[in-house]
């Protein structure tokens, strides 16, 4: 079977809720492990997650997806963990405890620590 070449710099978009295989593969190639800080689960064993939920207006496009293992996908969905992307493989995370972390191609760095307002 011949697979088409996937350019990691191309931007793909669809209006559909379901994430097409081509977008999932592009996301996994750009970030080969779970995008959550310090997680090393291979992206092939992860969910493809939107940064903003589809129901909240999150688009289904190359610049808005991340591989998250099921545990971290649930943590992002059901707790105060949140993230943004700066490029196809760099994610800025905000923890419920005020930590700001960058996950970049498998490496996690602490950016700042700001306790949440109480």
N, C-alpha and C. Protein backbone atom coordinates (compact mmCIF):
# COMPACT_ATOMS: atom_id res chain seq x y z
N UNK A 1 0.84 -1.18 0.00
CA UNK A 1 0.00 0.00 0.00
C UNK A 1 0.89 1.24 0.00
N UNK A 2 0.58 2.19 -0.83
CA UNK A 2 1.32 3.44 -0.91
C UNK A 2 0.61 4.48 -0.05
N UNK A 3 1.39 5.11 0.85
CA UNK A 3 0.83 6.15 1.70
C UNK A 3 1.24 7.51 1.14
N UNK A 4 0.33 8.47 1.15
CA UNK A 4 0.68 9.81 0.66
C UNK A 4 1.66 10.49 1.61
N UNK A 5 2.45 11.37 1.09
CA UNK A 5 3.38 12.16 1.90
C UNK A 5 2.56 13.15 2.72
N UNK A 6 2.90 13.27 4.00
CA UNK A 6 2.22 14.23 4.87
C UNK A 6 3.22 15.31 5.25
N UNK A 7 2.97 16.50 4.79
CA UNK A 7 3.83 17.64 5.10
C UNK A 7 3.40 18.18 6.47
N UNK A 8 4.33 18.19 7.43
CA UNK A 8 4.00 18.63 8.78
C UNK A 8 3.70 20.11 8.85
N UNK A 9 4.10 20.87 7.84
CA UNK A 9 3.86 22.31 7.82
C UNK A 9 2.53 22.68 7.16
N UNK A 10 1.92 21.74 6.41
CA UNK A 10 0.63 22.01 5.78
C UNK A 10 -0.45 22.20 6.84
N UNK A 11 -1.40 23.08 6.55
CA UNK A 11 -2.53 23.30 7.44
C UNK A 11 -3.77 22.68 6.80
N UNK A 12 -4.35 21.71 7.51
CA UNK A 12 -5.56 21.05 7.03
C UNK A 12 -6.71 21.42 7.96
N UNK A 13 -7.91 21.54 7.40
CA UNK A 13 -9.08 21.94 8.16
C UNK A 13 -10.29 21.19 7.64
N UNK A 14 -11.18 20.84 8.55
CA UNK A 14 -12.46 20.26 8.16
C UNK A 14 -13.53 20.80 9.10
N UNK A 15 -14.74 20.89 8.62
CA UNK A 15 -15.85 21.34 9.46
C UNK A 15 -16.46 20.19 10.26
N UNK A 16 -16.03 18.97 9.97
CA UNK A 16 -16.59 17.78 10.61
C UNK A 16 -16.11 17.64 12.05
N UNK A 17 -16.92 16.97 12.87
CA UNK A 17 -16.51 16.65 14.24
C UNK A 17 -15.43 15.58 14.23
N UNK A 18 -15.63 14.55 13.42
CA UNK A 18 -14.67 13.45 13.35
C UNK A 18 -13.35 13.94 12.77
N UNK A 19 -12.26 13.54 13.40
CA UNK A 19 -10.94 13.96 12.94
C UNK A 19 -10.48 12.98 11.86
N UNK A 20 -10.24 13.47 10.64
CA UNK A 20 -9.81 12.58 9.56
C UNK A 20 -8.46 11.92 9.86
N UNK A 21 -8.26 10.73 9.31
CA UNK A 21 -7.02 9.99 9.51
C UNK A 21 -5.79 10.82 9.15
N UNK A 22 -5.87 11.60 8.09
CA UNK A 22 -4.73 12.41 7.65
C UNK A 22 -4.31 13.43 8.72
N UNK A 23 -5.29 14.06 9.40
CA UNK A 23 -5.00 15.00 10.48
C UNK A 23 -4.43 14.27 11.70
N UNK A 24 -4.99 13.12 12.03
CA UNK A 24 -4.48 12.33 13.15
C UNK A 24 -3.03 11.94 12.90
N UNK A 25 -2.73 11.46 11.71
CA UNK A 25 -1.37 11.05 11.37
C UNK A 25 -0.41 12.24 11.39
N UNK A 26 -0.83 13.37 10.87
CA UNK A 26 0.00 14.58 10.89
C UNK A 26 0.31 14.98 12.34
N UNK A 27 -0.68 14.93 13.22
CA UNK A 27 -0.51 15.27 14.63
C UNK A 27 0.48 14.33 15.30
N UNK A 28 0.36 13.04 15.03
CA UNK A 28 1.25 12.04 15.63
C UNK A 28 2.68 12.16 15.12
N UNK A 29 2.84 12.52 13.87
CA UNK A 29 4.20 12.69 13.33
C UNK A 29 4.88 13.94 13.90
N UNK A 30 4.10 15.00 14.10
CA UNK A 30 4.66 16.24 14.64
C UNK A 30 5.01 16.09 16.12
N UNK A 31 4.20 15.38 16.87
CA UNK A 31 4.44 15.17 18.31
C UNK A 31 4.37 13.67 18.57
N UNK A 32 5.50 12.97 18.61
CA UNK A 32 5.50 11.50 18.67
C UNK A 32 5.11 10.89 20.02
N UNK A 33 4.95 11.73 21.07
CA UNK A 33 4.52 11.23 22.38
C UNK A 33 3.37 12.10 22.88
N UNK A 34 2.70 11.64 23.93
CA UNK A 34 1.62 12.41 24.55
C UNK A 34 2.10 13.83 24.79
N UNK A 35 1.25 14.81 24.50
CA UNK A 35 1.61 16.22 24.64
C UNK A 35 1.56 16.72 26.09
N UNK A 36 1.12 15.88 27.02
CA UNK A 36 1.04 16.28 28.43
C UNK A 36 2.44 16.31 29.03
N UNK A 37 2.71 17.28 29.93
CA UNK A 37 4.05 17.37 30.53
C UNK A 37 4.52 16.04 31.14
N UNK A 38 5.73 15.69 30.83
CA UNK A 38 6.47 14.53 31.32
C UNK A 38 5.92 13.18 30.86
N UNK A 39 4.83 13.13 30.14
CA UNK A 39 4.30 11.85 29.67
C UNK A 39 5.06 11.42 28.42
N UNK A 40 5.41 10.15 28.35
CA UNK A 40 6.16 9.62 27.22
C UNK A 40 5.39 8.53 26.46
N UNK A 41 4.08 8.42 26.70
CA UNK A 41 3.30 7.41 25.97
C UNK A 41 3.35 7.73 24.48
N UNK A 42 3.64 6.75 23.63
CA UNK A 42 3.70 7.00 22.19
C UNK A 42 2.38 7.57 21.65
N UNK A 43 2.48 8.54 20.76
CA UNK A 43 1.29 9.19 20.19
C UNK A 43 0.38 8.19 19.50
N UNK A 44 0.92 7.12 18.98
CA UNK A 44 0.09 6.10 18.30
C UNK A 44 -0.86 5.42 19.28
N UNK A 45 -0.59 5.54 20.57
CA UNK A 45 -1.46 4.96 21.60
C UNK A 45 -2.25 6.04 22.33
N UNK A 46 -2.38 7.22 21.71
CA UNK A 46 -3.07 8.35 22.32
C UNK A 46 -4.33 8.73 21.55
N UNK A 47 -5.20 9.48 22.20
CA UNK A 47 -6.34 10.11 21.55
C UNK A 47 -5.83 11.36 20.83
N UNK A 48 -6.53 11.78 19.80
CA UNK A 48 -6.23 13.05 19.16
C UNK A 48 -7.23 14.06 19.71
N UNK A 49 -6.72 15.03 20.45
CA UNK A 49 -7.56 15.95 21.22
C UNK A 49 -7.52 17.35 20.61
N UNK A 50 -8.67 18.02 20.64
CA UNK A 50 -8.73 19.44 20.26
C UNK A 50 -8.33 20.28 21.46
N UNK A 51 -7.65 21.38 21.25
CA UNK A 51 -7.28 22.27 22.34
C UNK A 51 -8.54 22.84 22.98
N UNK A 52 -9.47 23.28 22.17
CA UNK A 52 -10.79 23.74 22.64
C UNK A 52 -11.81 22.73 22.12
N UNK A 53 -12.70 22.28 22.98
CA UNK A 53 -13.69 21.28 22.59
C UNK A 53 -14.49 21.73 21.37
N UNK A 54 -14.84 20.79 20.52
CA UNK A 54 -15.62 21.07 19.32
C UNK A 54 -16.93 21.76 19.68
N UNK A 55 -17.56 21.31 20.74
CA UNK A 55 -18.83 21.91 21.18
C UNK A 55 -18.70 23.35 21.66
N UNK A 56 -17.47 23.74 22.02
CA UNK A 56 -17.21 25.12 22.44
C UNK A 56 -16.64 25.96 21.30
N UNK A 57 -16.74 25.45 20.08
CA UNK A 57 -16.25 26.19 18.92
C UNK A 57 -14.85 25.84 18.48
N UNK A 58 -14.26 24.81 19.08
CA UNK A 58 -12.91 24.40 18.70
C UNK A 58 -12.87 23.82 17.30
N UNK A 59 -11.99 24.32 16.44
CA UNK A 59 -11.93 23.82 15.07
C UNK A 59 -11.25 22.45 14.98
N UNK A 60 -11.51 21.77 13.89
CA UNK A 60 -10.83 20.52 13.58
C UNK A 60 -9.80 20.86 12.52
N UNK A 61 -8.59 21.21 12.97
CA UNK A 61 -7.54 21.60 12.03
C UNK A 61 -6.17 21.28 12.59
N UNK A 62 -5.17 21.32 11.73
CA UNK A 62 -3.81 20.95 12.08
C UNK A 62 -3.26 21.71 13.28
N UNK A 63 -3.55 22.97 13.39
CA UNK A 63 -2.96 23.79 14.45
C UNK A 63 -3.72 23.71 15.76
N UNK A 64 -4.73 22.87 15.84
CA UNK A 64 -5.59 22.85 17.02
C UNK A 64 -5.73 21.45 17.62
N UNK A 65 -4.78 20.56 17.30
CA UNK A 65 -4.87 19.17 17.76
C UNK A 65 -3.61 18.77 18.52
N UNK A 66 -3.76 17.81 19.43
CA UNK A 66 -2.63 17.29 20.19
C UNK A 66 -2.88 15.83 20.54
N UNK A 67 -1.83 15.00 20.54
CA UNK A 67 -2.02 13.64 21.02
C UNK A 67 -2.00 13.63 22.55
N UNK A 68 -3.03 13.09 23.17
CA UNK A 68 -3.08 12.95 24.62
C UNK A 68 -3.46 11.52 24.97
N UNK A 69 -2.67 10.89 25.85
CA UNK A 69 -3.05 9.55 26.29
C UNK A 69 -4.39 9.66 27.02
N UNK A 70 -5.08 8.56 27.16
CA UNK A 70 -6.43 8.60 27.72
C UNK A 70 -6.44 9.23 29.11
N UNK A 71 -5.47 8.91 29.96
CA UNK A 71 -5.41 9.48 31.32
C UNK A 71 -5.32 11.01 31.26
N UNK A 72 -4.43 11.53 30.43
CA UNK A 72 -4.23 12.97 30.37
C UNK A 72 -5.33 13.69 29.58
N UNK A 73 -5.94 12.98 28.63
CA UNK A 73 -7.09 13.53 27.94
C UNK A 73 -8.22 13.77 28.96
N UNK A 74 -8.43 12.80 29.84
CA UNK A 74 -9.47 12.94 30.87
C UNK A 74 -9.11 14.04 31.87
N UNK A 75 -7.82 14.13 32.23
CA UNK A 75 -7.40 15.19 33.16
C UNK A 75 -7.68 16.56 32.56
N UNK A 76 -7.40 16.74 31.29
CA UNK A 76 -7.65 18.02 30.63
C UNK A 76 -9.17 18.29 30.53
N UNK A 77 -9.93 17.27 30.25
CA UNK A 77 -11.37 17.42 30.06
C UNK A 77 -12.12 17.65 31.37
N UNK A 78 -11.70 16.99 32.44
CA UNK A 78 -12.49 16.99 33.68
C UNK A 78 -11.84 17.75 34.84
N UNK A 79 -10.67 18.33 34.65
CA UNK A 79 -10.03 19.11 35.71
C UNK A 79 -9.62 20.46 35.13
N UNK A 80 -8.87 21.22 35.90
CA UNK A 80 -8.49 22.58 35.48
C UNK A 80 -7.21 22.63 34.66
N UNK A 81 -6.68 21.49 34.19
CA UNK A 81 -5.53 21.51 33.28
C UNK A 81 -6.00 22.09 31.95
N UNK A 82 -5.17 22.93 31.33
CA UNK A 82 -5.50 23.52 30.02
C UNK A 82 -4.21 23.74 29.25
N UNK A 83 -4.32 23.80 27.93
CA UNK A 83 -3.13 24.06 27.12
C UNK A 83 -3.46 24.81 25.86
N UNK A 84 -2.45 25.45 25.31
CA UNK A 84 -2.48 26.11 24.01
C UNK A 84 -1.30 25.56 23.22
N UNK A 85 -1.30 25.81 21.94
CA UNK A 85 -0.17 25.39 21.11
C UNK A 85 0.49 26.62 20.52
N UNK A 86 1.81 26.55 20.39
CA UNK A 86 2.54 27.65 19.76
C UNK A 86 3.01 27.25 18.36
N UNK A 87 3.12 25.96 18.11
CA UNK A 87 3.38 25.41 16.78
C UNK A 87 2.96 23.95 16.79
N UNK A 88 3.27 23.22 15.74
CA UNK A 88 2.76 21.86 15.59
C UNK A 88 3.21 20.90 16.69
N UNK A 89 4.26 21.22 17.43
CA UNK A 89 4.75 20.30 18.45
C UNK A 89 5.17 20.99 19.74
N UNK A 90 4.66 22.17 20.00
CA UNK A 90 4.99 22.89 21.24
C UNK A 90 3.69 23.27 21.94
N UNK A 91 3.57 22.84 23.19
CA UNK A 91 2.34 23.05 23.94
C UNK A 91 2.64 23.79 25.24
N UNK A 92 1.90 24.85 25.50
CA UNK A 92 2.01 25.60 26.74
C UNK A 92 0.87 25.16 27.66
N UNK A 93 1.22 24.53 28.78
CA UNK A 93 0.25 23.99 29.72
C UNK A 93 0.10 24.88 30.94
N UNK A 94 -1.11 24.93 31.49
CA UNK A 94 -1.41 25.60 32.74
C UNK A 94 -2.03 24.56 33.68
N UNK A 95 -1.37 24.38 34.83
CA UNK A 95 -1.88 23.39 35.78
C UNK A 95 -2.90 24.03 36.72
N UNK A 96 -3.69 23.22 37.41
CA UNK A 96 -4.64 23.77 38.38
C UNK A 96 -3.95 24.48 39.54
N UNK A 97 -2.66 24.24 39.72
CA UNK A 97 -1.91 24.81 40.84
C UNK A 97 -1.07 26.02 40.44
N UNK A 98 -1.27 26.52 39.22
CA UNK A 98 -0.58 27.73 38.80
C UNK A 98 0.75 27.52 38.08
N UNK A 99 1.13 26.29 37.79
CA UNK A 99 2.35 26.04 37.03
C UNK A 99 2.10 26.29 35.55
N UNK A 100 3.06 26.89 34.89
CA UNK A 100 3.04 27.03 33.43
C UNK A 100 4.22 26.23 32.91
N UNK A 101 3.92 25.28 32.03
CA UNK A 101 4.94 24.35 31.53
C UNK A 101 4.91 24.33 30.02
N UNK A 102 6.06 24.07 29.42
CA UNK A 102 6.11 23.88 27.96
C UNK A 102 6.53 22.45 27.69
N UNK A 103 5.77 21.78 26.84
CA UNK A 103 6.14 20.45 26.34
C UNK A 103 6.48 20.65 24.88
N UNK A 104 7.71 20.35 24.53
CA UNK A 104 8.22 20.58 23.18
C UNK A 104 8.95 19.34 22.70
N UNK A 105 8.33 18.61 21.77
CA UNK A 105 8.92 17.42 21.18
C UNK A 105 9.47 16.45 22.24
N UNK A 106 8.69 16.24 23.29
CA UNK A 106 9.05 15.26 24.30
C UNK A 106 9.74 15.84 25.53
N UNK A 107 10.21 17.07 25.48
CA UNK A 107 10.89 17.68 26.62
C UNK A 107 9.94 18.63 27.34
N UNK A 108 9.93 18.56 28.68
CA UNK A 108 9.07 19.43 29.49
C UNK A 108 9.94 20.42 30.26
N UNK A 109 9.54 21.70 30.23
CA UNK A 109 10.26 22.75 30.96
C UNK A 109 9.25 23.57 31.76
N UNK A 110 9.63 23.94 32.98
CA UNK A 110 8.83 24.84 33.79
C UNK A 110 9.08 26.27 33.30
N UNK A 111 8.01 26.99 33.00
CA UNK A 111 8.13 28.37 32.54
C UNK A 111 7.96 29.31 33.72
N UNK A 112 6.91 29.10 34.51
CA UNK A 112 6.66 29.94 35.68
C UNK A 112 5.71 29.24 36.62
N UNK A 113 5.67 29.74 37.84
CA UNK A 113 4.75 29.20 38.83
C UNK A 113 3.97 30.37 39.43
N UNK A 114 2.68 30.43 39.15
CA UNK A 114 1.80 31.47 39.67
C UNK A 114 0.66 30.78 40.40
N UNK A 115 0.62 30.91 41.74
CA UNK A 115 -0.52 30.29 42.44
C UNK A 115 -1.84 30.87 41.97
N UNK A 116 -2.87 30.05 41.87
CA UNK A 116 -4.17 30.57 41.44
C UNK A 116 -4.72 31.57 42.45
N UNK A 117 -5.51 32.52 41.96
CA UNK A 117 -6.16 33.49 42.83
C UNK A 117 -7.17 32.77 43.71
N UNK A 118 -7.18 33.15 44.95
CA UNK A 118 -8.14 32.51 45.87
C UNK A 118 -9.12 33.50 46.41
